[in-house]
Amino acid sequence: MFNLKKINIIKKNKEFKKVYKYGKSYADKNLVFFILKNKKDTTRFGITTAKKINKAVVRNKIRRRLKEIVRKNLHSINSNYDVVVMCRVRGMESSYKDLENSFIKLAKKTKIYLGDEN
């Protein structure tokens, strides 16, 4: 079982801004990926939600879902990237499965998804 450790998480605002500024973005109807190559041995994830999602309860629920999706798929993600996953307003109504499908689709599109190695 894979865990999201502290080394796999982007938390500082300065790190988020760096990925937004220098990274490349990919989007679908539910999620937006911002990806930047890093010089570390691991891929780090930052998870955000659109500011237009007004209720904190809903934003937190979406973030918890996205964290679980990242944790479940971490073994299939290529190393050496900083990835910020942002949920769009439309993702608020999406089911867990829809969010997971969007995540995998965007990861494949960005070529960081290695596929199932099990």
C-alpha atoms as a PDB file:
ATOM      1  CA  MET A   1       0.000   0.000   0.000  1.00  0.00           C
ATOM      2  CA  PHE A   2       1.373   3.389  -0.979  1.00  0.00           C
ATOM      3  CA  ASN A   3       1.224   6.423   1.264  1.00  0.00           C
ATOM      4  CA  LEU A   4       1.346  10.107   0.561  1.00  0.00           C
ATOM      5  CA  LYS A   5       4.285  11.062   2.731  1.00  0.00           C
ATOM      6  CA  LYS A   6       5.398  14.574   3.548  1.00  0.00           C
ATOM      7  CA  ILE A   7       8.004  14.290   0.800  1.00  0.00           C
ATOM      8  CA  ASN A   8       5.232  13.720  -1.762  1.00  0.00           C
ATOM      9  CA  ILE A   9       3.216  16.830  -0.871  1.00  0.00           C
ATOM     10  CA  ILE A  10       3.546  20.421  -2.039  1.00  0.00           C
ATOM     11  CA  LYS A  11       2.393  22.690   0.773  1.00  0.00           C
ATOM     12  CA  LYS A  12       4.180  26.012   0.484  1.00  0.00           C
ATOM     13  CA  ASN A  13       2.566  28.820  -1.478  1.00  0.00           C
ATOM     14  CA  LYS A  14       5.906  29.625  -3.110  1.00  0.00           C
ATOM     15  CA  GLU A  15       6.131  26.071  -4.500  1.00  0.00           C
ATOM     16  CA  PHE A  16       2.573  26.247  -5.867  1.00  0.00           C
ATOM     17  CA  LYS A  17       3.337  29.580  -7.548  1.00  0.00           C
ATOM     18  CA  LYS A  18       6.500  28.156  -9.112  1.00  0.00           C
ATOM     19  CA  VAL A  19       4.526  25.276 -10.666  1.00  0.00           C
ATOM     20  CA  TYR A  20       1.811  27.679 -11.881  1.00  0.00           C
ATOM     21  CA  LYS A  21       4.340  30.085 -13.381  1.00  0.00           C
ATOM     22  CA  TYR A  22       6.833  27.710 -15.028  1.00  0.00           C
ATOM     23  CA  GLY A  23       4.806  24.523 -15.418  1.00  0.00           C
ATOM     24  CA  LYS A  24       2.633  23.371 -18.267  1.00  0.00           C
ATOM     25  CA  SER A  25      -1.130  22.964 -17.813  1.00  0.00           C
ATOM     26  CA  TYR A  26      -3.486  20.268 -19.043  1.00  0.00           C
ATOM     27  CA  ALA A  27      -7.228  20.251 -18.422  1.00  0.00           C
ATOM     28  CA  ASP A  28     -10.451  18.357 -18.853  1.00  0.00           C
ATOM     29  CA  LYS A  29     -13.978  19.071 -17.625  1.00  0.00           C
ATOM     30  CA  ASN A  30     -13.264  18.208 -13.961  1.00  0.00           C
ATOM     31  CA  LEU A  31      -9.558  18.786 -13.285  1.00  0.00           C
ATOM     32  CA  VAL A  32      -6.575  20.897 -14.284  1.00  0.00           C
ATOM     33  CA  PHE A  33      -3.007  19.586 -13.990  1.00  0.00           C
ATOM     34  CA  PHE A  34      -0.041  21.937 -13.695  1.00  0.00           C
ATOM     35  CA  ILE A  35       3.195  19.991 -14.209  1.00  0.00           C
ATOM     36  CA  LEU A  36       6.811  21.009 -13.725  1.00  0.00           C
ATOM     37  CA  LYS A  37       9.894  18.793 -13.857  1.00  0.00           C
ATOM     38  CA  ASN A  38      11.828  18.779 -10.562  1.00  0.00           C
ATOM     39  CA  LYS A  39      15.302  17.669  -9.518  1.00  0.00           C
ATOM     40  CA  LYS A  40      14.080  15.287  -6.817  1.00  0.00           C
ATOM     41  CA  ASP A  41      13.677  11.503  -6.961  1.00  0.00           C
ATOM     42  CA  THR A  42       9.965  11.654  -6.236  1.00  0.00           C
ATOM     43  CA  THR A  43       6.871  13.192  -7.716  1.00  0.00           C
ATOM     44  CA  ARG A  44       5.221  15.713  -5.422  1.00  0.00           C
ATOM     45  CA  PHE A  45       1.536  16.602  -5.522  1.00  0.00           C
ATOM     46  CA  GLY A  46      -0.354  19.711  -4.509  1.00  0.00           C
ATOM     47  CA  ILE A  47      -4.131  19.635  -4.406  1.00  0.00           C
ATOM     48  CA  THR A  48      -6.336  22.701  -4.752  1.00  0.00           C
ATOM     49  CA  THR A  49      -9.932  23.529  -5.600  1.00  0.00           C
ATOM     50  CA  ALA A  50     -11.458  26.370  -7.586  1.00  0.00           C
ATOM     51  CA  LYS A  51     -12.134  29.485  -5.519  1.00  0.00           C
ATOM     52  CA  LYS A  52     -15.684  29.627  -6.842  1.00  0.00           C
ATOM     53  CA  ILE A  53     -16.617  26.544  -4.800  1.00  0.00           C
ATOM     54  CA  ASN A  54     -17.996  28.572  -1.921  1.00  0.00           C
ATOM     55  CA  LYS A  55     -18.588  26.029   0.816  1.00  0.00           C
ATOM     56  CA  ALA A  56     -15.504  24.884   2.727  1.00  0.00           C
ATOM     57  CA  VAL A  57     -17.143  21.528   3.467  1.00  0.00           C
ATOM     58  CA  VAL A  58     -17.451  20.819  -0.252  1.00  0.00           C
ATOM     59  CA  ARG A  59     -13.895  22.010  -1.012  1.00  0.00           C
ATOM     60  CA  ASN A  60     -12.502  19.767   1.723  1.00  0.00           C
ATOM     61  CA  LYS A  61     -14.530  16.776   0.535  1.00  0.00           C
ATOM     62  CA  ILE A  62     -13.138  17.211  -2.986  1.00  0.00           C
ATOM     63  CA  ARG A  63      -9.581  17.572  -1.656  1.00  0.00           C
ATOM     64  CA  ARG A  64      -9.959  14.377   0.395  1.00  0.00           C
ATOM     65  CA  ARG A  65     -11.198  12.527  -2.689  1.00  0.00           C
ATOM     66  CA  LEU A  66      -8.304  13.812  -4.796  1.00  0.00           C
ATOM     67  CA  LYS A  67      -5.758  12.857  -2.116  1.00  0.00           C
ATOM     68  CA  GLU A  68      -7.128   9.326  -2.088  1.00  0.00           C
ATOM     69  CA  ILE A  69      -7.029   9.155  -5.903  1.00  0.00           C
ATOM     70  CA  VAL A  70      -3.399  10.310  -5.893  1.00  0.00           C
ATOM     71  CA  ARG A  71      -2.518   7.825  -3.137  1.00  0.00           C
ATOM     72  CA  LYS A  72      -4.132   4.926  -5.014  1.00  0.00           C
ATOM     73  CA  ASN A  73      -2.389   5.783  -8.288  1.00  0.00           C
ATOM     74  CA  LEU A  74       0.994   6.881  -6.907  1.00  0.00           C
ATOM     75  CA  HIS A  75       2.636   3.594  -7.936  1.00  0.00           C
ATOM     76  CA  SER A  76       1.702   4.310 -11.583  1.00  0.00           C
ATOM     77  CA  ILE A  77       3.124   7.843 -11.701  1.00  0.00           C
ATOM     78  CA  ASN A  78       6.549   8.664 -13.138  1.00  0.00           C
ATOM     79  CA  SER A  79       9.133  10.300 -10.845  1.00  0.00           C
ATOM     80  CA  ASN A  80      10.735  13.753 -10.945  1.00  0.00           C
ATOM     81  CA  TYR A  81       7.673  15.972 -11.313  1.00  0.00           C
ATOM     82  CA  ASP A  82       5.815  18.557  -9.272  1.00  0.00           C
ATOM     83  CA  VAL A  83       2.108  18.242 -10.039  1.00  0.00           C
ATOM     84  CA  VAL A  84      -0.645  20.571  -8.870  1.00  0.00           C
ATOM     85  CA  VAL A  85      -4.099  19.050  -9.295  1.00  0.00           C
ATOM     86  CA  MET A  86      -6.871  21.640  -9.276  1.00  0.00           C
ATOM     87  CA  CYS A  87     -10.545  20.704  -9.213  1.00  0.00           C
ATOM     88  CA  ARG A  88     -12.813  22.866 -11.343  1.00  0.00           C
ATOM     89  CA  VAL A  89     -16.295  23.988 -10.285  1.00  0.00           C
ATOM     90  CA  ARG A  90     -17.828  21.280 -12.475  1.00  0.00           C
ATOM     91  CA  GLY A  91     -15.854  18.673 -10.521  1.00  0.00           C
ATOM     92  CA  MET A  92     -17.952  19.559  -7.499  1.00  0.00           C
ATOM     93  CA  GLU A  93     -20.878  17.537  -8.903  1.00  0.00           C
ATOM     94  CA  SER A  94     -18.679  14.694 -10.173  1.00  0.00           C
ATOM     95  CA  SER A  95     -18.563  11.322  -8.499  1.00  0.00           C
ATOM     96  CA  TYR A  96     -15.400   9.799  -7.094  1.00  0.00           C
ATOM     97  CA  LYS A  97     -15.148   7.515 -10.153  1.00  0.00           C
ATOM     98  CA  ASP A  98     -15.472  10.476 -12.550  1.00  0.00           C
ATOM     99  CA  LEU A  99     -12.696  12.333 -10.717  1.00  0.00           C
ATOM    100  CA  GLU A 100     -10.496   9.238 -10.802  1.00  0.00           C
ATOM    101  CA  ASN A 101     -11.112   8.777 -14.537  1.00  0.00           C
ATOM    102  CA  SER A 102     -10.248  12.443 -15.149  1.00  0.00           C
ATOM    103  CA  PHE A 103      -7.071  12.066 -13.083  1.00  0.00           C
ATOM    104  CA  ILE A 104      -5.910   8.995 -15.032  1.00  0.00           C
ATOM    105  CA  LYS A 105      -6.853  10.563 -18.372  1.00  0.00           C
ATOM    106  CA  LEU A 106      -4.849  13.723 -17.633  1.00  0.00           C
ATOM    107  CA  ALA A 107      -1.915  11.741 -16.218  1.00  0.00           C
ATOM    108  CA  LYS A 108      -1.783   9.745 -19.468  1.00  0.00           C
ATOM    109  CA  LYS A 109      -2.102  12.928 -21.514  1.00  0.00           C
ATOM    110  CA  THR A 110       0.866  14.461 -19.676  1.00  0.00           C
ATOM    111  CA  LYS A 111       2.860  11.239 -20.102  1.00  0.00           C
ATOM    112  CA  ILE A 112       3.540  10.868 -16.353  1.00  0.00           C
ATOM    113  CA  TYR A 113       1.278   7.815 -16.086  1.00  0.00           C
ATOM    114  CA  LEU A 114       3.195   4.547 -16.377  1.00  0.00           C
ATOM    115  CA  GLY A 115       0.127   2.328 -16.272  1.00  0.00           C
ATOM    116  CA  ASP A 116      -0.649  -0.520 -13.966  1.00  0.00           C
ATOM    117  CA  GLU A 117       2.482  -2.403 -12.979  1.00  0.00           C
ATOM    118  CA  ASN A 118       0.658  -4.948 -10.815  1.00  0.00           C
END
